[in-house]
Amino acid sequence: MTGLSTTGYRDTFARDHLPPVEQWPTLEFTTPLLQYPERLNAGAEIIDAPTLQHGPDRPALLTPDGTTWTYGELRARANQIAHLLVDDLGLVAGNRVLLRSPNNPWTVAAWLGILKAGGIVVTTMAALRATELSPIVEKTRPSIALVDHRHLDDVRVVQEATAPDLRVVGYGGDAADDLTRRIADKPTEFEAVDTSADDVALFGPTSGSTGTPKITTHFHRDILSIDNTFGRTTLCLQPQDRVACSAPFAFTFGLGMQVVFALRAGACAFLTEAAAPAQLADLVAEHGVTVLATAPTAYKQILRAGKAGQLAKLRVAVTAGEHMPQATWEELHREIGLKVIDGIGATEMLHIFVSAAGDEIRPGATGRPVPGYRATILDPDGNEVGPGVEGRLAVIGPVGCRYLDDDRQRGYVVNGWNVTGDTFVRDEDGYFWYRSRTDNMIVSSGYNIGGPEVEAALDTHPDVVEVAVIGEPDPDRGTIVCAFVVLRDGVAGDADKVTELQGHVKGLLAPYKYPRDVRFVPSLPRNSSGKLQHFKLREIVETEARA
């Protein structure tokens, strides 16, 4: 492809399926930190470089049970996994490797090992069901899957149904062929594959608002760029920090906070597989966490549980995934003096690009463009508008949207700008203030949920005639999934049916996507041409919320 360096990959699938250059966003490298050599392997930069700088004995990963991996141990295991991939599993540089697991040390080692071996990581959430994994596998065509032993079943289903050549390796279990046993005798040194800075390193699946997965593509340099912008200029981790984040690695918010930013700073990542907000607050206090990143609703639930004091020793707190209500920010500041760093990012952009920290924070505002980015507001025709005018948030920086073989590329990139799907207004001082989503994405407790995806799941139930799914305002989660359901004649719309439909969705989709509010109605609003009018249903729940 014109303008790209000579690839280090024998398998050129990723580069072959990038969008045409004319559909790419504008890319800018405007700070000294964003100047990269032509050859670059992000895996080596994230583990080899800090191990050399800070020493192999520095703690890198910590878990609630007290398990600690040093930088030297993490590097050795990542290298052993790279050997397994290449020597035993036949990985060819440019092959894709599916990674499916909760946040734990072996997952970090696998992620780094894949990059060093020249593989492209396809990180997926452990919560996804086979029906959600299948289109991701079909689109990214991985040759290998490294899977936490507790989450093998859905991958096996996909393997048997659509990917018979997929080589599946479990890890963390007792099986004789478990990855942790297979690497035991592998060398602990591995020379990272000579990849180009603009070789694809990461495929990031995002369901968006349609339910059909879009696959974002990110280069080796992109992974470093999120640290060389937000990480180094706004977050500013220190080697003595312990960093906790509630987001799974499949959400690039979590990947950045606990792998890229933490390791490049020589800090220690505190990994939790699952923890409710109140429990997370207790773990923060118990384990001396100094940096916490989680969703705004989690901070709100910590306050409601009377656990704000457990965060009192935090040096830094970060939030993203949804808008941070000003009242929540101010209550945390009032109770413990914490100034939470808010930010907006996107899977398409890999991480946060508008934010503010310390005295630069204006409560209620998301912030200003992080150094290395510029942002603006566009009207419906794609023209920039001035301060005080609401419109679509658009951003340009060192990373940008490049969907894998997807016509929706044309919708995300407008005149070189990445258009995020959020409505903002910019003030006279360049601060950006959130207003709403511009699509039918439901953002609940920081999780992106495509309304059409939940509709499609409910439609498969034999008692459902038609359904419409919207986001409903909620004081705890920000928004919850609300389903308006028309049942077939003779079926009672009672509490038992609500539970049944919720369980049906949980069986098909990741459990966090189920509708927490199910409303049975005789019909759904449609216009004269028969198009479903979701906005009328939104008006109902928004009116109720204001009452």
Protein backbone atom coordinates (compact mmCIF):
# COMPACT_ATOMS: atom_id res chain seq x y z
CA MET A 1 0.00 0.00 0.00
CA THR A 2 1.30 3.44 -0.95
CA GLY A 3 3.00 5.33 1.86
CA LEU A 4 3.61 2.35 4.12
CA SER A 5 7.02 0.97 5.02
CA THR A 6 8.23 -2.46 3.96
CA THR A 7 6.28 -4.94 6.03
CA GLY A 8 7.91 -7.43 8.37
CA TYR A 9 5.06 -9.88 7.78
CA ARG A 10 4.97 -12.88 5.47
CA ASP A 11 1.20 -13.06 5.95
CA THR A 12 -0.05 -9.73 4.61
CA PHE A 13 -3.74 -10.30 5.38
CA ALA A 14 -4.04 -7.25 7.62
CA ARG A 15 -2.38 -4.81 5.25
CA ASP A 16 -4.28 -6.27 2.30
CA HIS A 17 -7.60 -5.53 4.00
CA LEU A 18 -6.95 -2.01 5.27
CA PRO A 19 -9.27 0.62 3.81
CA PRO A 20 -8.08 2.55 0.74
CA VAL A 21 -5.68 5.34 1.68
CA GLU A 22 -8.11 7.98 0.48
CA GLN A 23 -10.56 6.83 3.21
CA TRP A 24 -8.00 7.10 6.01
CA PRO A 25 -8.17 9.92 8.52
CA THR A 26 -5.44 12.52 8.59
CA LEU A 27 -2.54 11.36 10.77
CA GLU A 28 -0.30 13.89 12.52
CA PHE A 29 2.88 13.44 14.54
CA THR A 30 3.30 16.85 16.07
CA THR A 31 5.41 16.30 19.21
CA PRO A 32 8.95 14.95 19.69
CA LEU A 33 7.57 11.87 21.47
CA LEU A 34 5.66 10.92 18.32
CA GLN A 35 8.69 10.55 16.05
CA TYR A 36 9.32 6.86 15.35
CA PRO A 37 11.96 4.80 13.57
CA GLU A 38 10.85 2.83 10.53
CA ARG A 39 11.35 -0.53 12.28
CA LEU A 40 9.57 -0.96 15.60
CA ASN A 41 8.10 -3.83 17.62
CA ALA A 42 5.75 -2.62 20.35
CA GLY A 43 6.12 -5.83 22.34
CA ALA A 44 9.84 -5.26 22.74
CA GLU A 45 9.30 -1.61 23.64
CA ILE A 46 6.74 -2.46 26.31
CA ILE A 47 8.62 -5.24 28.13
CA ASP A 48 12.26 -5.39 26.99
CA ALA A 49 12.97 -1.66 27.30
CA PRO A 50 11.55 -1.15 30.82
CA THR A 51 13.18 -4.37 32.07
CA LEU A 52 16.52 -3.04 30.91
CA GLN A 53 15.85 0.40 32.34
CA HIS A 54 14.36 -0.52 35.73
CA GLY A 55 15.87 -3.96 36.30
CA PRO A 56 14.36 -7.46 36.14
CA ASP A 57 13.52 -7.59 39.86
CA ARG A 58 11.06 -4.69 39.85
CA PRO A 59 7.43 -5.86 40.41
CA ALA A 60 5.43 -5.68 37.18
CA LEU A 61 2.16 -7.49 37.93
CA LEU A 62 0.29 -8.08 41.19
CA THR A 63 -2.97 -9.94 41.86
CA PRO A 64 -5.35 -9.83 44.86
CA ASP A 65 -4.06 -13.18 46.16
CA GLY A 66 -0.58 -11.71 46.48
CA THR A 67 0.93 -13.29 43.37
CA THR A 68 3.68 -11.05 42.01
CA TRP A 69 5.50 -11.24 38.69
CA THR A 70 8.64 -9.20 38.24
CA TYR A 71 9.60 -7.55 34.98
CA GLY A 72 12.17 -10.29 34.45
CA GLU A 73 9.60 -13.04 35.00
CA LEU A 74 7.05 -11.39 32.73
CA ARG A 75 9.63 -10.92 30.00
CA ALA A 76 10.82 -14.52 30.28
CA ARG A 77 7.27 -15.93 30.05
CA ALA A 78 6.37 -13.65 27.15
CA ASN A 79 9.48 -14.88 25.33
CA GLN A 80 8.64 -18.50 26.07
CA ILE A 81 5.13 -17.98 24.68
CA ALA A 82 6.64 -16.39 21.57
CA HIS A 83 8.76 -19.54 21.14
CA LEU A 84 5.71 -21.76 21.55
CA LEU A 85 3.81 -19.78 18.92
CA VAL A 86 6.60 -19.92 16.38
CA ASP A 87 8.30 -23.25 17.13
CA ASP A 88 5.32 -25.47 18.01
CA LEU A 89 2.20 -23.77 16.67
CA GLY A 90 3.62 -22.61 13.35
CA LEU A 91 2.93 -18.91 13.71
CA VAL A 92 3.96 -16.99 10.60
CA ALA A 93 4.59 -13.27 11.03
CA GLY A 94 1.33 -11.49 10.28
CA ASN A 95 -0.90 -14.36 11.46
CA ARG A 96 -3.66 -13.41 13.87
CA VAL A 97 -3.90 -14.84 17.40
CA LEU A 98 -7.19 -14.72 19.28
CA LEU A 99 -6.73 -13.95 22.98
CA ARG A 100 -9.64 -14.61 25.34
CA SER A 101 -9.30 -14.25 29.08
CA PRO A 102 -10.01 -12.10 32.12
CA ASN A 103 -7.27 -9.73 33.23
CA ASN A 104 -4.50 -11.86 34.73
CA PRO A 105 -0.69 -12.17 34.43
CA TRP A 106 -0.73 -14.97 31.86
CA THR A 107 -2.88 -12.84 29.58
CA VAL A 108 -0.36 -10.00 29.74
CA ALA A 109 2.46 -12.43 28.95
CA ALA A 110 0.50 -13.88 26.03
CA TRP A 111 -0.29 -10.42 24.63
CA LEU A 112 3.35 -9.41 24.74
CA GLY A 113 4.54 -12.76 23.38
CA ILE A 114 2.21 -12.50 20.40
CA LEU A 115 3.54 -9.06 19.47
CA LYS A 116 7.18 -10.09 19.87
CA ALA A 117 6.55 -13.17 17.69
CA GLY A 118 5.14 -10.98 14.91
CA GLY A 119 1.54 -11.98 15.48
CA ILE A 120 -1.48 -9.68 15.43
CA VAL A 121 -3.45 -9.79 18.68
CA VAL A 122 -7.23 -10.14 18.52
CA THR A 123 -8.19 -9.51 22.14
CA THR A 124 -11.74 -10.52 23.06
CA MET A 125 -13.68 -10.37 26.31
CA ALA A 126 -14.13 -13.57 28.27
CA ALA A 127 -17.81 -12.68 28.66
CA LEU A 128 -18.61 -12.99 24.95
CA ARG A 129 -20.71 -15.95 23.80
CA ALA A 130 -20.08 -18.12 20.77
CA THR A 131 -22.59 -16.12 18.71
CA GLU A 132 -20.55 -12.97 19.39
CA LEU A 133 -17.15 -14.60 18.89
CA SER A 134 -18.06 -16.25 15.61
CA PRO A 135 -18.26 -13.08 13.45
CA ILE A 136 -15.01 -11.81 14.99
CA VAL A 137 -13.25 -15.06 14.09
CA GLU A 138 -14.76 -15.07 10.59
CA LYS A 139 -13.59 -11.52 9.95
CA THR A 140 -10.09 -11.66 11.49
CA ARG A 141 -9.26 -15.27 10.53
CA PRO A 142 -6.95 -16.18 13.42
CA SER A 143 -4.78 -19.27 13.08
CA ILE A 144 -4.26 -19.71 16.83
CA ALA A 145 -6.35 -19.00 19.93
CA LEU A 146 -4.81 -18.64 23.39
CA VAL A 147 -7.65 -19.01 25.88
CA ASP A 148 -7.97 -19.03 29.64
CA HIS A 149 -8.91 -22.62 30.54
CA ARG A 150 -12.19 -21.46 32.14
CA HIS A 151 -13.38 -19.91 28.88
CA LEU A 152 -12.61 -22.58 26.31
CA ASP A 153 -16.14 -23.81 25.64
CA ASP A 154 -17.38 -20.96 23.43
CA VAL A 155 -14.13 -20.98 21.45
CA ARG A 156 -14.51 -24.72 20.89
CA VAL A 157 -18.05 -24.14 19.61
CA VAL A 158 -16.79 -21.57 17.10
CA GLN A 159 -13.89 -23.81 16.12
CA GLU A 160 -16.20 -26.74 15.37
CA ALA A 161 -18.76 -24.62 13.53
CA THR A 162 -16.71 -22.23 11.41
CA ALA A 163 -12.96 -22.46 12.08
CA PRO A 164 -11.82 -26.11 12.00
CA ASP A 165 -8.18 -25.11 11.40
CA LEU A 166 -8.02 -22.84 14.44
CA ARG A 167 -5.43 -24.19 16.90
CA VAL A 168 -6.78 -23.66 20.42
CA VAL A 169 -4.47 -23.69 23.43
CA GLY A 170 -5.77 -23.28 26.97
CA TYR A 171 -3.79 -21.78 29.80
CA GLY A 172 -3.92 -21.58 33.57
CA GLY A 173 -5.45 -25.02 34.06
CA ASP A 174 -4.39 -28.54 35.02
CA ALA A 175 -4.40 -30.12 31.55
CA ALA A 176 -1.20 -31.80 30.42
CA ASP A 177 -1.16 -29.68 27.25
CA ASP A 178 -1.81 -26.40 29.08
CA LEU A 179 0.26 -23.53 27.75
CA THR A 180 1.91 -23.03 31.12
CA ARG A 181 3.33 -26.56 30.90
CA ARG A 182 4.15 -26.47 27.21
CA ILE A 183 6.43 -23.46 27.64
CA ALA A 184 8.28 -24.79 30.70
CA ASP A 185 11.36 -25.86 28.74
CA LYS A 186 11.30 -23.06 26.17
CA PRO A 187 14.17 -20.55 26.07
CA THR A 188 13.59 -17.37 28.03
CA GLU A 189 15.18 -15.20 25.35
CA PHE A 190 13.46 -14.31 22.08
CA GLU A 191 14.50 -11.70 19.56
CA ALA A 192 11.44 -9.71 18.59
CA VAL A 193 10.42 -10.00 14.94
CA ASP A 194 11.63 -7.09 12.81
CA THR A 195 8.27 -5.42 12.27
CA SER A 196 7.60 -2.11 10.62
CA ALA A 197 6.28 0.70 12.80
CA ASP A 198 3.22 0.70 10.55
CA ASP A 199 2.63 -3.05 10.56
CA VAL A 200 -0.69 -3.91 12.17
CA ALA A 201 -0.18 -5.15 15.75
CA LEU A 202 -3.70 -5.18 17.11
CA PHE A 203 -7.23 -5.88 15.90
CA GLY A 204 -9.78 -4.30 18.23
CA PRO A 205 -13.32 -5.60 17.75
CA THR A 206 -16.05 -3.08 18.45
CA SER A 207 -19.73 -3.83 18.08
CA GLY A 208 -20.60 -0.17 17.68
CA SER A 209 -24.29 0.66 17.48
CA THR A 210 -25.21 -1.94 14.87
CA GLY A 211 -24.27 -5.16 16.61
CA THR A 212 -22.23 -6.24 13.58
CA PRO A 213 -18.60 -6.23 14.68
CA LYS A 214 -16.26 -3.67 13.23
CA ILE A 215 -12.57 -4.51 13.51
CA THR A 216 -10.31 -1.58 14.23
CA THR A 217 -6.68 -1.92 13.16
CA HIS A 218 -3.77 -0.43 15.08
CA PHE A 219 -0.11 -0.31 14.15
CA HIS A 220 2.88 -0.99 16.39
CA ARG A 221 3.54 2.76 16.58
CA ASP A 222 -0.10 3.39 17.54
CA ILE A 223 0.27 1.34 20.71
CA LEU A 224 3.20 3.52 21.76
CA SER A 225 1.44 6.70 20.64
CA ILE A 226 -1.33 6.41 23.21
CA ASP A 227 1.36 6.40 25.91
CA ASN A 228 3.35 9.17 24.24
CA THR A 229 0.25 11.37 24.30
CA PHE A 230 -2.22 10.80 27.15
CA GLY A 231 0.07 8.48 29.10
CA ARG A 232 3.12 10.73 29.31
CA THR A 233 1.50 14.17 29.20
CA THR A 234 -1.67 13.78 31.25
CA LEU A 235 -1.57 10.56 33.28
CA CYS A 236 2.17 10.78 34.08
CA LEU A 237 2.69 7.46 35.86
CA GLN A 238 5.73 7.00 38.08
CA PRO A 239 7.77 3.81 38.61
CA GLN A 240 6.52 3.47 42.19
CA ASP A 241 2.84 3.52 41.14
CA ARG A 242 0.47 0.58 41.46
CA VAL A 243 -2.18 0.83 38.77
CA ALA A 244 -5.65 -0.75 38.91
CA CYS A 245 -8.30 -0.65 36.20
CA SER A 246 -11.69 -2.35 36.09
CA ALA A 247 -11.88 -2.51 32.30
CA PRO A 248 -11.01 -5.77 30.50
CA PHE A 249 -7.95 -5.76 28.23
CA ALA A 250 -10.34 -6.18 25.28
CA PHE A 251 -11.41 -2.61 26.02
CA THR A 252 -8.45 -0.56 24.94
CA PHE A 253 -9.01 1.69 27.97
CA GLY A 254 -7.99 -1.26 30.15
CA LEU A 255 -5.20 -2.37 27.83
CA GLY A 256 -3.66 1.09 27.87
CA MET A 257 -3.91 1.65 31.60
CA GLN A 258 -2.64 -1.72 32.85
CA VAL A 259 -0.31 -2.93 30.12
CA VAL A 260 0.99 -0.13 27.91
CA PHE A 261 1.12 2.80 30.34
CA ALA A 262 2.00 0.84 33.48
CA LEU A 263 4.80 -1.23 31.97
CA ARG A 264 6.37 1.56 29.96
CA ALA A 265 6.54 3.63 33.16
CA GLY A 266 8.18 0.82 35.12
CA ALA A 267 5.10 0.74 37.38
CA CYS A 268 3.21 -2.28 38.75
CA ALA A 269 -0.22 -3.26 37.40
CA PHE A 270 -2.69 -4.57 39.99
CA LEU A 271 -4.83 -7.06 38.05
CA THR A 272 -8.37 -7.99 39.07
CA GLU A 273 -10.44 -10.44 37.04
CA ALA A 274 -13.75 -9.20 38.44
CA ALA A 275 -14.63 -6.89 41.30
CA ALA A 276 -17.77 -4.93 42.10
CA PRO A 277 -17.09 -1.23 42.70
CA ALA A 278 -17.27 -1.45 46.50
CA GLN A 279 -14.98 -4.49 46.49
CA LEU A 280 -12.61 -2.71 44.14
CA ALA A 281 -12.40 0.20 46.57
CA ASP A 282 -11.45 -2.20 49.37
CA LEU A 283 -8.78 -3.80 47.19
CA VAL A 284 -7.35 -0.38 46.33
CA ALA A 285 -6.89 0.37 50.01
CA GLU A 286 -5.65 -3.11 50.95
CA HIS A 287 -3.00 -3.36 48.24
CA GLY A 288 -1.70 0.19 48.22
CA VAL A 289 -3.00 1.08 44.75
CA THR A 290 -1.99 4.62 43.82
CA VAL A 291 -3.70 4.96 40.41
CA LEU A 292 -7.25 3.79 39.71
CA ALA A 293 -9.12 3.83 36.39
CA THR A 294 -12.77 2.87 36.22
CA ALA A 295 -16.15 4.01 34.88
CA PRO A 296 -18.00 7.03 36.31
CA THR A 297 -20.79 4.76 37.55
CA ALA A 298 -18.27 2.78 39.57
CA TYR A 299 -17.14 5.94 41.37
CA LYS A 300 -20.79 6.75 42.01
CA GLN A 301 -21.42 3.29 43.47
CA ILE A 302 -18.31 3.57 45.64
CA LEU A 303 -19.70 6.82 47.04
CA ARG A 304 -23.11 5.28 47.67
CA ALA A 305 -21.53 2.34 49.46
CA GLY A 306 -19.74 4.73 51.80
CA LYS A 307 -16.37 3.55 50.49
CA ALA A 308 -14.90 6.85 49.25
CA GLY A 309 -12.43 6.79 52.13
CA GLN A 310 -10.88 3.65 50.65
CA LEU A 311 -9.69 5.80 47.75
CA ALA A 312 -8.13 8.47 49.95
CA LYS A 313 -4.54 7.39 49.27
CA LEU A 314 -4.87 7.43 45.50
CA ARG A 315 -2.42 9.70 43.72
CA VAL A 316 -4.39 9.66 40.46
CA ALA A 317 -7.91 8.60 39.47
CA VAL A 318 -9.06 8.31 35.87
CA THR A 319 -12.43 7.73 34.28
CA ALA A 320 -13.62 7.14 30.72
CA GLY A 321 -16.15 5.07 28.82
CA GLU A 322 -18.99 7.47 29.56
CA HIS A 323 -19.44 11.04 30.76
CA MET A 324 -18.42 11.81 34.35
CA PRO A 325 -21.33 13.68 36.01
CA GLN A 326 -20.18 16.89 37.61
CA ALA A 327 -21.99 16.03 40.85
CA THR A 328 -20.04 12.78 41.20
CA TRP A 329 -16.75 14.54 40.50
CA GLU A 330 -17.49 17.24 43.05
CA GLU A 331 -18.61 14.77 45.74
CA LEU A 332 -15.35 12.80 45.43
CA HIS A 333 -13.35 16.01 45.58
CA ARG A 334 -15.30 17.24 48.56
CA GLU A 335 -14.99 13.98 50.52
CA ILE A 336 -11.36 13.02 49.89
CA GLY A 337 -9.83 15.82 47.81
CA LEU A 338 -9.60 13.62 44.70
CA LYS A 339 -9.53 15.34 41.31
CA VAL A 340 -10.64 12.64 38.89
CA ILE A 341 -9.16 12.85 35.40
CA ASP A 342 -12.04 12.53 32.94
CA GLY A 343 -11.40 11.68 29.31
CA ILE A 344 -12.98 10.51 26.10
CA GLY A 345 -11.47 7.91 23.83
CA ALA A 346 -12.69 5.37 21.30
CA THR A 347 -11.68 1.90 20.17
CA GLU A 348 -11.12 3.45 16.74
CA MET A 349 -8.63 5.87 18.33
CA LEU A 350 -7.27 3.28 20.78
CA HIS A 351 -7.36 5.52 23.86
CA ILE A 352 -8.09 8.94 25.35
CA PHE A 353 -7.61 12.06 23.21
CA VAL A 354 -9.52 14.78 25.11
CA SER A 355 -8.83 15.15 28.83
CA ALA A 356 -7.42 17.36 31.58
CA ALA A 357 -5.56 16.76 34.84
CA GLY A 358 -4.86 18.60 38.09
CA ASP A 359 -5.52 22.32 38.08
CA GLU A 360 -6.37 22.17 34.36
CA ILE A 361 -9.61 20.29 35.17
CA ARG A 362 -12.89 22.15 34.88
CA PRO A 363 -15.54 20.08 36.66
CA GLY A 364 -18.24 19.02 34.20
CA ALA A 365 -16.01 19.45 31.15
CA THR A 366 -14.26 16.49 29.55
CA GLY A 367 -11.18 18.59 28.89
CA ARG A 368 -9.08 19.82 26.01
CA PRO A 369 -7.22 17.90 23.29
CA VAL A 370 -4.31 15.91 24.72
CA PRO A 371 -0.91 17.04 23.31
CA GLY A 372 -0.54 15.35 19.93
CA TYR A 373 -4.24 15.71 19.06
CA ARG A 374 -6.52 18.47 17.84
CA ALA A 375 -10.29 18.40 18.07
CA THR A 376 -13.21 20.35 16.69
CA ILE A 377 -17.00 20.34 16.42
CA LEU A 378 -18.66 19.57 13.07
CA ASP A 379 -22.16 20.40 11.91
CA PRO A 380 -24.30 17.82 10.03
CA ASP A 381 -22.63 18.81 6.74
CA GLY A 382 -19.10 18.24 8.06
CA ASN A 383 -18.26 21.92 8.52
CA GLU A 384 -16.45 23.18 11.60
CA VAL A 385 -18.49 25.34 13.97
CA GLY A 386 -17.38 27.86 16.56
CA PRO A 387 -17.57 27.96 20.36
CA GLY A 388 -20.97 27.47 21.95
CA VAL A 389 -22.44 25.49 19.06
CA GLU A 390 -23.36 21.85 19.62
CA GLY A 391 -22.23 19.34 17.03
CA ARG A 392 -20.29 16.16 16.37
CA LEU A 393 -16.96 15.73 18.11
CA ALA A 394 -14.14 15.19 15.62
CA VAL A 395 -10.46 14.55 16.26
CA ILE A 396 -7.13 14.20 14.44
CA GLY A 397 -3.90 12.82 15.90
CA PRO A 398 -1.20 10.16 15.53
CA VAL A 399 -3.78 7.35 15.48
CA GLY A 400 -7.07 7.04 13.67
CA CYS A 401 -9.86 4.85 12.39
CA ARG A 402 -8.96 2.16 9.87
CA TYR A 403 -11.65 -0.51 9.89
CA LEU A 404 -10.71 -3.90 8.51
CA ASP A 405 -12.48 -4.35 5.17
CA ASP A 406 -15.62 -2.45 6.20
CA ASP A 407 -17.78 0.04 4.30
CA ARG A 408 -18.53 1.84 7.58
CA GLN A 409 -15.10 3.44 7.28
CA ARG A 410 -16.75 6.15 5.16
CA GLY A 411 -19.07 7.07 8.02
CA TYR A 412 -16.41 7.43 10.72
CA VAL A 413 -13.93 9.54 8.76
CA VAL A 414 -15.19 12.88 7.45
CA ASN A 415 -12.80 15.19 5.60
CA GLY A 416 -9.87 13.62 7.41
CA TRP A 417 -11.50 13.91 10.85
CA ASN A 418 -12.37 10.93 13.06
CA VAL A 419 -16.01 11.50 14.03
CA THR A 420 -16.73 9.70 17.27
CA GLY A 421 -20.52 9.58 17.46
CA ASP A 422 -20.71 12.01 20.39
CA THR A 423 -22.35 15.42 20.58
CA PHE A 424 -20.19 18.04 22.31
CA VAL A 425 -19.92 21.79 22.60
CA ARG A 426 -16.61 23.68 22.82
CA ASP A 427 -16.28 26.78 24.97
CA GLU A 428 -14.22 29.90 24.33
CA ASP A 429 -11.24 28.44 26.21
CA GLY A 430 -11.12 25.27 24.12
CA TYR A 431 -12.72 22.96 26.68
CA PHE A 432 -15.10 20.31 25.36
CA TRP A 433 -18.40 19.65 27.15
CA TYR A 434 -20.34 16.44 26.56
CA ARG A 435 -23.98 16.52 25.51
CA SER A 436 -25.06 13.09 24.21
CA ARG A 437 -24.38 10.19 21.88
CA THR A 438 -25.38 10.80 18.26
CA ASP A 439 -26.12 7.15 17.47
CA ASN A 440 -28.04 4.39 19.23
CA MET A 441 -25.11 3.12 21.23
CA ILE A 442 -26.03 2.40 24.85
CA VAL A 443 -23.19 3.14 27.26
CA SER A 444 -23.95 1.40 30.56
CA SER A 445 -21.42 1.44 33.41
CA GLY A 446 -18.72 2.12 30.82
CA TYR A 447 -19.71 -0.80 28.56
CA ASN A 448 -20.73 -0.10 24.96
CA ILE A 449 -23.85 -2.04 24.02
CA GLY A 450 -25.34 -1.98 20.53
CA GLY A 451 -29.12 -1.69 20.79
CA PRO A 452 -29.70 -3.62 17.52
CA GLU A 453 -27.60 -6.49 18.86
CA VAL A 454 -29.90 -6.90 21.86
CA GLU A 455 -32.94 -6.56 19.61
CA ALA A 456 -31.63 -9.36 17.40
CA ALA A 457 -31.14 -11.62 20.43
CA LEU A 458 -34.66 -10.98 21.73
CA ASP A 459 -36.10 -11.52 18.27
CA THR A 460 -34.96 -15.16 18.41
CA HIS A 461 -37.28 -15.90 21.34
CA PRO A 462 -40.43 -17.66 20.07
CA ASP A 463 -42.76 -15.47 22.16
CA VAL A 464 -41.40 -12.16 20.82
CA VAL A 465 -43.24 -10.64 17.87
CA GLU A 466 -41.20 -7.46 17.69
CA VAL A 467 -38.89 -5.50 19.94
CA ALA A 468 -37.17 -2.13 20.22
CA VAL A 469 -34.20 -1.50 22.50
CA ILE A 470 -33.09 1.90 23.77
CA GLY A 471 -30.97 3.36 26.54
CA GLU A 472 -32.84 4.37 29.69
CA PRO A 473 -31.37 6.91 32.14
CA ASP A 474 -30.31 5.27 35.38
CA PRO A 475 -28.86 6.91 38.51
CA ASP A 476 -26.38 4.10 39.20
CA ARG A 477 -25.24 2.95 35.76
CA GLY A 478 -25.74 6.13 33.77
CA THR A 479 -27.85 4.22 31.25
CA ILE A 480 -29.42 0.76 31.24
CA VAL A 481 -30.73 -1.38 28.40
CA CYS A 482 -34.50 -1.02 28.11
CA ALA A 483 -36.50 -3.32 25.83
CA PHE A 484 -40.02 -2.61 24.61
CA VAL A 485 -41.46 -6.00 23.64
CA VAL A 486 -44.58 -7.05 21.75
CA LEU A 487 -45.49 -10.63 22.67
CA ARG A 488 -47.44 -13.10 20.57
CA ASP A 489 -51.13 -13.40 21.34
CA GLY A 490 -51.97 -15.36 24.44
CA VAL A 491 -48.59 -14.95 26.15
CA ALA A 492 -48.67 -13.21 29.52
CA GLY A 493 -46.31 -10.31 29.97
CA ASP A 494 -45.54 -10.91 33.63
CA ALA A 495 -42.50 -10.99 35.90
CA ASP A 496 -41.73 -14.59 34.95
CA LYS A 497 -41.64 -13.66 31.28
CA VAL A 498 -39.30 -10.75 32.05
CA THR A 499 -36.89 -13.13 33.79
CA GLU A 500 -37.19 -15.60 30.94
CA LEU A 501 -36.36 -13.02 28.28
CA GLN A 502 -33.45 -11.67 30.31
CA GLY A 503 -32.06 -15.17 30.66
CA HIS A 504 -32.53 -15.74 26.93
CA VAL A 505 -30.34 -12.71 26.14
CA LYS A 506 -27.73 -13.77 28.68
CA GLY A 507 -27.51 -17.12 26.93
CA LEU A 508 -26.75 -15.51 23.56
CA LEU A 509 -24.77 -12.38 24.43
CA ALA A 510 -22.33 -11.27 27.08
CA PRO A 511 -24.39 -11.04 30.29
CA TYR A 512 -23.81 -7.31 30.77
CA LYS A 513 -25.88 -6.68 27.62
CA TYR A 514 -29.17 -8.05 28.97
CA PRO A 515 -32.14 -5.65 29.26
CA ARG A 516 -32.52 -4.60 32.88
CA ASP A 517 -35.89 -3.05 32.07
CA VAL A 518 -38.36 -5.06 29.96
CA ARG A 519 -41.68 -3.40 29.09
CA PHE A 520 -44.49 -5.24 27.35
CA VAL A 521 -46.47 -3.11 24.90
CA PRO A 522 -49.26 -3.89 22.41
CA SER A 523 -47.37 -2.23 19.53
CA LEU A 524 -44.31 -0.16 18.69
CA PRO A 525 -44.39 3.38 17.23
CA ARG A 526 -43.69 3.56 13.50
CA ASN A 527 -43.84 6.33 10.90
CA SER A 528 -45.97 6.30 7.77
CA SER A 529 -43.38 4.27 5.90
CA GLY A 530 -43.22 1.68 8.67
CA LYS A 531 -39.87 2.71 10.14
CA LEU A 532 -39.56 2.07 13.85
CA GLN A 533 -39.38 5.33 15.82
CA HIS A 534 -36.92 4.69 18.61
CA PHE A 535 -36.92 8.38 19.49
CA LYS A 536 -40.52 8.18 20.73
CA LEU A 537 -39.56 5.42 23.13
CA ARG A 538 -36.59 7.48 24.32
CA GLU A 539 -38.97 10.37 25.00
CA ILE A 540 -41.02 8.09 27.26
CA VAL A 541 -38.12 6.99 29.46
CA GLU A 542 -36.50 10.44 29.51
CA THR A 543 -39.80 12.03 30.60
CA GLU A 544 -40.08 9.45 33.38
CA ALA A 545 -36.50 10.17 34.48
CA ARG A 546 -37.25 13.87 34.77
CA ALA A 547 -40.45 13.33 36.75
